[in-house]
Amino acid sequence: MLKQMLGLLLAVVLGVGGAWLVMGTGWLSTGDKKSHLPLPTGGDFTLQSADGAVNLADFRGKVVVLYFGYTACPDICPTSMATLKAAMALLTPVEVAKVQGLFVSVDPERDTLAHIQQYVRYFHPSLVGVSGAQAALQEITRRYGVFYRKVEVPGSAMAYTIDHSAVLYVLDKQGKLQEQVQHAVPPAELAAAIRRWL
């Protein structure tokens, strides 16, 4: 029992440590404080949801807030989704109708499409959860500058965790990546970033 608890603790430390390591590299922006480095190329993609294929182009005309994570993440992903939920609550109903939150699971081995959708709907009814094959995820995350890797945790009930970067990507109504927002910013900062592109 003690060995399993230590394994789980190690998984959490590795996951949080990996995310904060990436966050400390200086290529993120928060609100009006933008990095001098260019934004990743981003671009269109198609992944699967519980309701079928989802293409980023399906959301043209809306500001998209894109996040890459996994549902078993102990704290970084729930914090990011809670920030998005709180930011949406700061928008007017008319503004919310012009925003689409999109959660991409980088853990298709464990996250079923139905479970991903159940997870995101906990935070907001309009959120959509998607995933796909590892080859597709690796190609998409490369274009968005997303870091993630599977870390085996022997003796843990989880078996493995995933180190990953923790960034909310704000795309304009044409699907172009415009801002990267750290996951732990005050919700008002994310709401302001969304409003800049409405």
C-alpha atoms as a PDB file:
ATOM      1  CA  MET A   1       0.000   0.000   0.000  1.00  0.00           C
ATOM      2  CA  LEU A   2       2.786   2.416   0.948  1.00  0.00           C
ATOM      3  CA  LYS A   3       4.617   1.519  -2.264  1.00  0.00           C
ATOM      4  CA  GLN A   4       1.521   2.340  -4.334  1.00  0.00           C
ATOM      5  CA  MET A   5       1.025   5.663  -2.547  1.00  0.00           C
ATOM      6  CA  LEU A   6       4.664   6.599  -3.140  1.00  0.00           C
ATOM      7  CA  GLY A   7       4.265   5.636  -6.788  1.00  0.00           C
ATOM      8  CA  LEU A   8       1.204   7.858  -7.147  1.00  0.00           C
ATOM      9  CA  LEU A   9       2.991  10.749  -5.425  1.00  0.00           C
ATOM     10  CA  LEU A  10       5.916  10.333  -7.808  1.00  0.00           C
ATOM     11  CA  ALA A  11       3.499  10.401 -10.751  1.00  0.00           C
ATOM     12  CA  VAL A  12       2.009  13.686  -9.576  1.00  0.00           C
ATOM     13  CA  VAL A  13       5.428  15.256  -8.964  1.00  0.00           C
ATOM     14  CA  LEU A  14       6.679  14.187 -12.392  1.00  0.00           C
ATOM     15  CA  GLY A  15       3.559  15.470 -14.121  1.00  0.00           C
ATOM     16  CA  VAL A  16       3.584  18.839 -12.393  1.00  0.00           C
ATOM     17  CA  GLY A  17       7.336  19.182 -12.680  1.00  0.00           C
ATOM     18  CA  GLY A  18       7.307  18.485 -16.395  1.00  0.00           C
ATOM     19  CA  ALA A  19       4.558  21.004 -17.027  1.00  0.00           C
ATOM     20  CA  TRP A  20       6.245  23.732 -15.003  1.00  0.00           C
ATOM     21  CA  LEU A  21       9.586  23.011 -16.682  1.00  0.00           C
ATOM     22  CA  VAL A  22       8.016  23.759 -20.039  1.00  0.00           C
ATOM     23  CA  MET A  23       6.172  26.772 -18.660  1.00  0.00           C
ATOM     24  CA  GLY A  24       9.466  28.235 -17.518  1.00  0.00           C
ATOM     25  CA  THR A  25      11.005  28.350 -20.994  1.00  0.00           C
ATOM     26  CA  GLY A  26       9.650  31.798 -21.810  1.00  0.00           C
ATOM     27  CA  TRP A  27       7.632  31.091 -24.952  1.00  0.00           C
ATOM     28  CA  LEU A  28       4.272  31.722 -23.318  1.00  0.00           C
ATOM     29  CA  SER A  29       2.255  34.882 -23.058  1.00  0.00           C
ATOM     30  CA  THR A  30      -0.107  36.045 -20.344  1.00  0.00           C
ATOM     31  CA  GLY A  31      -2.622  38.703 -21.200  1.00  0.00           C
ATOM     32  CA  ASP A  32      -0.817  41.688 -22.711  1.00  0.00           C
ATOM     33  CA  LYS A  33       2.643  40.367 -21.793  1.00  0.00           C
ATOM     34  CA  LYS A  34       3.681  38.596 -24.958  1.00  0.00           C
ATOM     35  CA  SER A  35       6.852  36.655 -25.615  1.00  0.00           C
ATOM     36  CA  HIS A  36       9.292  37.983 -28.197  1.00  0.00           C
ATOM     37  CA  LEU A  37       9.417  34.524 -29.757  1.00  0.00           C
ATOM     38  CA  PRO A  38       7.093  33.806 -32.687  1.00  0.00           C
ATOM     39  CA  LEU A  39       3.930  31.822 -32.114  1.00  0.00           C
ATOM     40  CA  PRO A  40       3.832  28.203 -33.272  1.00  0.00           C
ATOM     41  CA  THR A  41       2.336  27.689 -36.727  1.00  0.00           C
ATOM     42  CA  GLY A  42      -0.789  25.921 -35.396  1.00  0.00           C
ATOM     43  CA  GLY A  43      -3.189  25.123 -38.204  1.00  0.00           C
ATOM     44  CA  ASP A  44      -6.174  22.971 -39.016  1.00  0.00           C
ATOM     45  CA  PHE A  45      -6.643  19.372 -37.889  1.00  0.00           C
ATOM     46  CA  THR A  46      -9.265  16.651 -37.637  1.00  0.00           C
ATOM     47  CA  LEU A  47      -9.701  14.441 -34.554  1.00  0.00           C
ATOM     48  CA  GLN A  48     -12.498  12.265 -33.194  1.00  0.00           C
ATOM     49  CA  SER A  49     -15.128  13.147 -30.609  1.00  0.00           C
ATOM     50  CA  ALA A  50     -17.852  11.014 -29.040  1.00  0.00           C
ATOM     51  CA  ASP A  51     -20.163  12.403 -31.737  1.00  0.00           C
ATOM     52  CA  GLY A  52     -17.844  11.801 -34.698  1.00  0.00           C
ATOM     53  CA  ALA A  53     -15.069  13.608 -36.530  1.00  0.00           C
ATOM     54  CA  VAL A  54     -14.313  17.188 -35.492  1.00  0.00           C
ATOM     55  CA  ASN A  55     -12.333  19.533 -37.711  1.00  0.00           C
ATOM     56  CA  LEU A  56     -10.968  22.805 -36.401  1.00  0.00           C
ATOM     57  CA  ALA A  57     -12.490  24.443 -39.484  1.00  0.00           C
ATOM     58  CA  ASP A  58     -15.930  23.458 -38.133  1.00  0.00           C
ATOM     59  CA  PHE A  59     -15.573  26.379 -35.716  1.00  0.00           C
ATOM     60  CA  ARG A  60     -14.786  29.153 -38.212  1.00  0.00           C
ATOM     61  CA  GLY A  61     -16.563  32.294 -37.083  1.00  0.00           C
ATOM     62  CA  LYS A  62     -15.876  31.514 -33.420  1.00  0.00           C
ATOM     63  CA  VAL A  63     -12.901  32.208 -31.191  1.00  0.00           C
ATOM     64  CA  VAL A  64     -11.482  28.816 -30.198  1.00  0.00           C
ATOM     65  CA  VAL A  65      -9.754  28.174 -26.882  1.00  0.00           C
ATOM     66  CA  LEU A  66      -7.687  25.035 -27.407  1.00  0.00           C
ATOM     67  CA  TYR A  67      -6.092  22.933 -24.658  1.00  0.00           C
ATOM     68  CA  PHE A  68      -4.032  19.724 -24.748  1.00  0.00           C
ATOM     69  CA  GLY A  69      -4.137  17.453 -21.697  1.00  0.00           C
ATOM     70  CA  TYR A  70      -5.630  14.219 -20.342  1.00  0.00           C
ATOM     71  CA  THR A  71      -8.519  13.361 -18.065  1.00  0.00           C
ATOM     72  CA  ALA A  72      -6.476  11.520 -15.400  1.00  0.00           C
ATOM     73  CA  CYS A  73      -4.274  14.588 -14.880  1.00  0.00           C
ATOM     74  CA  PRO A  74      -4.357  15.262 -11.125  1.00  0.00           C
ATOM     75  CA  ASP A  75      -4.224  19.055 -11.063  1.00  0.00           C
ATOM     76  CA  ILE A  76      -2.862  20.956 -14.086  1.00  0.00           C
ATOM     77  CA  CYS A  77      -5.704  20.034 -16.467  1.00  0.00           C
ATOM     78  CA  PRO A  78      -8.517  20.561 -13.953  1.00  0.00           C
ATOM     79  CA  THR A  79      -6.998  23.958 -13.095  1.00  0.00           C
ATOM     80  CA  SER A  80      -6.834  24.895 -16.780  1.00  0.00           C
ATOM     81  CA  MET A  81     -10.411  23.810 -17.417  1.00  0.00           C
ATOM     82  CA  ALA A  82     -11.615  25.618 -14.286  1.00  0.00           C
ATOM     83  CA  THR A  83      -9.860  28.776 -15.534  1.00  0.00           C
ATOM     84  CA  LEU A  84     -11.646  28.432 -18.877  1.00  0.00           C
ATOM     85  CA  LYS A  85     -14.976  27.837 -17.109  1.00  0.00           C
ATOM     86  CA  ALA A  86     -14.506  30.944 -14.959  1.00  0.00           C
ATOM     87  CA  ALA A  87     -13.422  33.026 -17.968  1.00  0.00           C
ATOM     88  CA  MET A  88     -16.555  31.947 -19.863  1.00  0.00           C
ATOM     89  CA  ALA A  89     -18.641  33.032 -16.868  1.00  0.00           C
ATOM     90  CA  LEU A  90     -17.187  36.538 -17.264  1.00  0.00           C
ATOM     91  CA  LEU A  91     -18.405  36.789 -20.862  1.00  0.00           C
ATOM     92  CA  THR A  92     -21.898  37.851 -21.864  1.00  0.00           C
ATOM     93  CA  PRO A  93     -24.240  35.196 -23.337  1.00  0.00           C
ATOM     94  CA  VAL A  94     -23.782  36.822 -26.762  1.00  0.00           C
ATOM     95  CA  GLU A  95     -19.978  36.538 -26.394  1.00  0.00           C
ATOM     96  CA  VAL A  96     -20.139  32.935 -25.128  1.00  0.00           C
ATOM     97  CA  ALA A  97     -22.100  31.995 -28.258  1.00  0.00           C
ATOM     98  CA  LYS A  98     -19.049  33.113 -30.295  1.00  0.00           C
ATOM     99  CA  VAL A  99     -16.523  31.016 -28.325  1.00  0.00           C
ATOM    100  CA  GLN A 100     -15.679  27.322 -28.615  1.00  0.00           C
ATOM    101  CA  GLY A 101     -13.593  25.469 -26.034  1.00  0.00           C
ATOM    102  CA  LEU A 102     -11.766  22.417 -27.387  1.00  0.00           C
ATOM    103  CA  PHE A 103      -9.958  19.864 -25.180  1.00  0.00           C
ATOM    104  CA  VAL A 104      -7.541  17.487 -26.936  1.00  0.00           C
ATOM    105  CA  SER A 105      -6.599  14.376 -24.953  1.00  0.00           C
ATOM    106  CA  VAL A 106      -3.022  13.245 -25.520  1.00  0.00           C
ATOM    107  CA  ASP A 107      -3.804   9.989 -23.680  1.00  0.00           C
ATOM    108  CA  PRO A 108      -5.908   7.979 -26.160  1.00  0.00           C
ATOM    109  CA  GLU A 109      -4.700   4.748 -24.542  1.00  0.00           C
ATOM    110  CA  ARG A 110      -6.716   5.532 -21.419  1.00  0.00           C
ATOM    111  CA  ASP A 111      -9.195   8.236 -22.461  1.00  0.00           C
ATOM    112  CA  THR A 112     -12.187   6.917 -24.368  1.00  0.00           C
ATOM    113  CA  LEU A 113     -14.060   9.474 -26.452  1.00  0.00           C
ATOM    114  CA  ALA A 114     -17.154   9.123 -24.264  1.00  0.00           C
ATOM    115  CA  HIS A 115     -15.103   9.706 -21.121  1.00  0.00           C
ATOM    116  CA  ILE A 116     -13.383  12.773 -22.599  1.00  0.00           C
ATOM    117  CA  GLN A 117     -16.742  14.309 -23.445  1.00  0.00           C
ATOM    118  CA  GLN A 118     -18.107  13.570 -19.982  1.00  0.00           C
ATOM    119  CA  TYR A 119     -14.992  15.176 -18.484  1.00  0.00           C
ATOM    120  CA  VAL A 120     -15.207  18.428 -20.454  1.00  0.00           C
ATOM    121  CA  ARG A 121     -18.965  18.807 -19.977  1.00  0.00           C
ATOM    122  CA  TYR A 122     -18.336  18.889 -16.233  1.00  0.00           C
ATOM    123  CA  PHE A 123     -16.625  22.251 -16.786  1.00  0.00           C
ATOM    124  CA  HIS A 124     -18.919  23.772 -19.424  1.00  0.00           C
ATOM    125  CA  PRO A 125     -21.782  22.374 -21.532  1.00  0.00           C
ATOM    126  CA  SER A 126     -20.406  23.806 -24.777  1.00  0.00           C
ATOM    127  CA  LEU A 127     -16.910  22.296 -24.498  1.00  0.00           C
ATOM    128  CA  VAL A 128     -15.934  19.586 -26.964  1.00  0.00           C
ATOM    129  CA  GLY A 129     -13.426  16.822 -26.194  1.00  0.00           C
ATOM    130  CA  VAL A 130     -11.438  15.046 -28.899  1.00  0.00           C
ATOM    131  CA  SER A 131      -8.508  12.695 -29.387  1.00  0.00           C
ATOM    132  CA  GLY A 132      -6.954  10.468 -32.031  1.00  0.00           C
ATOM    133  CA  ALA A 133      -4.135   8.115 -32.902  1.00  0.00           C
ATOM    134  CA  GLN A 134      -0.716   8.931 -31.477  1.00  0.00           C
ATOM    135  CA  ALA A 135       0.709   9.668 -34.943  1.00  0.00           C
ATOM    136  CA  ALA A 136      -1.964  12.334 -35.524  1.00  0.00           C
ATOM    137  CA  LEU A 137      -1.550  13.774 -32.030  1.00  0.00           C
ATOM    138  CA  GLN A 138       2.218  14.026 -32.436  1.00  0.00           C
ATOM    139  CA  GLU A 139       1.864  15.879 -35.730  1.00  0.00           C
ATOM    140  CA  ILE A 140      -0.707  18.323 -34.327  1.00  0.00           C
ATOM    141  CA  THR A 141       1.133  18.964 -31.067  1.00  0.00           C
ATOM    142  CA  ARG A 142       4.356  19.618 -32.983  1.00  0.00           C
ATOM    143  CA  ARG A 143       2.605  22.377 -34.958  1.00  0.00           C
ATOM    144  CA  TYR A 144       1.220  23.921 -31.778  1.00  0.00           C
ATOM    145  CA  GLY A 145       4.477  23.680 -29.823  1.00  0.00           C
ATOM    146  CA  VAL A 146       2.950  21.294 -27.289  1.00  0.00           C
ATOM    147  CA  PHE A 147       5.184  19.069 -25.173  1.00  0.00           C
ATOM    148  CA  TYR A 148       3.949  15.739 -23.837  1.00  0.00           C
ATOM    149  CA  ARG A 149       5.442  12.369 -22.970  1.00  0.00           C
ATOM    150  CA  LYS A 150       4.327   9.202 -21.245  1.00  0.00           C
ATOM    151  CA  VAL A 151       6.145   8.435 -17.997  1.00  0.00           C
ATOM    152  CA  GLU A 152       5.905   4.909 -16.580  1.00  0.00           C
ATOM    153  CA  VAL A 153       5.364   4.794 -12.805  1.00  0.00           C
ATOM    154  CA  PRO A 154       6.064   1.245 -11.583  1.00  0.00           C
ATOM    155  CA  GLY A 155       4.026   0.208  -8.563  1.00  0.00           C
ATOM    156  CA  SER A 156       1.453   2.952  -9.077  1.00  0.00           C
ATOM    157  CA  ALA A 157      -2.233   2.232  -9.532  1.00  0.00           C
ATOM    158  CA  MET A 158      -2.120   4.686 -12.457  1.00  0.00           C
ATOM    159  CA  ALA A 159       0.715   2.713 -14.151  1.00  0.00           C
ATOM    160  CA  TYR A 160       1.831   5.855 -15.968  1.00  0.00           C
ATOM    161  CA  THR A 161       1.397   9.598 -16.021  1.00  0.00           C
ATOM    162  CA  ILE A 162       1.894  12.133 -18.784  1.00  0.00           C
ATOM    163  CA  ASP A 163       4.204  15.106 -18.548  1.00  0.00           C
ATOM    164  CA  HIS A 164       2.714  17.891 -20.646  1.00  0.00           C
ATOM    165  CA  SER A 165       2.820  21.622 -21.218  1.00  0.00           C
ATOM    166  CA  ALA A 166      -0.083  23.634 -19.835  1.00  0.00           C
ATOM    167  CA  VAL A 167      -1.136  26.350 -22.249  1.00  0.00           C
ATOM    168  CA  LEU A 168      -4.513  27.657 -23.376  1.00  0.00           C
ATOM    169  CA  TYR A 169      -4.288  28.559 -27.072  1.00  0.00           C
ATOM    170  CA  VAL A 170      -6.553  31.358 -28.304  1.00  0.00           C
ATOM    171  CA  LEU A 171      -7.387  31.136 -32.008  1.00  0.00           C
ATOM    172  CA  ASP A 172      -9.199  33.878 -33.914  1.00  0.00           C
ATOM    173  CA  LYS A 173     -12.385  33.418 -35.942  1.00  0.00           C
ATOM    174  CA  GLN A 174     -10.368  32.293 -38.960  1.00  0.00           C
ATOM    175  CA  GLY A 175      -8.647  29.545 -36.951  1.00  0.00           C
ATOM    176  CA  LYS A 176      -5.298  31.334 -36.705  1.00  0.00           C
ATOM    177  CA  LEU A 177      -3.374  30.994 -33.451  1.00  0.00           C
ATOM    178  CA  GLN A 178      -3.122  34.446 -31.875  1.00  0.00           C
ATOM    179  CA  GLU A 179      -2.227  34.018 -28.203  1.00  0.00           C
ATOM    180  CA  GLN A 180      -0.869  31.494 -25.715  1.00  0.00           C
ATOM    181  CA  VAL A 181      -2.137  31.910 -22.170  1.00  0.00           C
ATOM    182  CA  GLN A 182      -0.678  30.172 -19.123  1.00  0.00           C
ATOM    183  CA  HIS A 183      -3.084  27.804 -17.446  1.00  0.00           C
ATOM    184  CA  ALA A 184      -2.984  29.452 -14.009  1.00  0.00           C
ATOM    185  CA  VAL A 185      -3.723  33.063 -14.973  1.00  0.00           C
ATOM    186  CA  PRO A 186      -6.655  34.842 -13.347  1.00  0.00           C
ATOM    187  CA  PRO A 187      -9.804  34.059 -15.374  1.00  0.00           C
ATOM    188  CA  ALA A 188     -10.183  37.760 -16.218  1.00  0.00           C
ATOM    189  CA  GLU A 189      -6.927  37.594 -18.205  1.00  0.00           C
ATOM    190  CA  LEU A 190      -8.160  34.684 -20.292  1.00  0.00           C
ATOM    191  CA  ALA A 191     -11.527  36.422 -20.781  1.00  0.00           C
ATOM    192  CA  ALA A 192      -9.676  39.529 -21.973  1.00  0.00           C
ATOM    193  CA  ALA A 193      -7.614  37.452 -24.420  1.00  0.00           C
ATOM    194  CA  ILE A 194     -10.811  35.897 -25.812  1.00  0.00           C
ATOM    195  CA  ARG A 195     -12.484  39.295 -26.148  1.00  0.00           C
ATOM    196  CA  ARG A 196      -9.535  40.657 -28.139  1.00  0.00           C
ATOM    197  CA  TRP A 197     -10.474  38.286 -30.978  1.00  0.00           C
ATOM    198  CA  LEU A 198     -14.278  38.311 -30.850  1.00  0.00           C
END
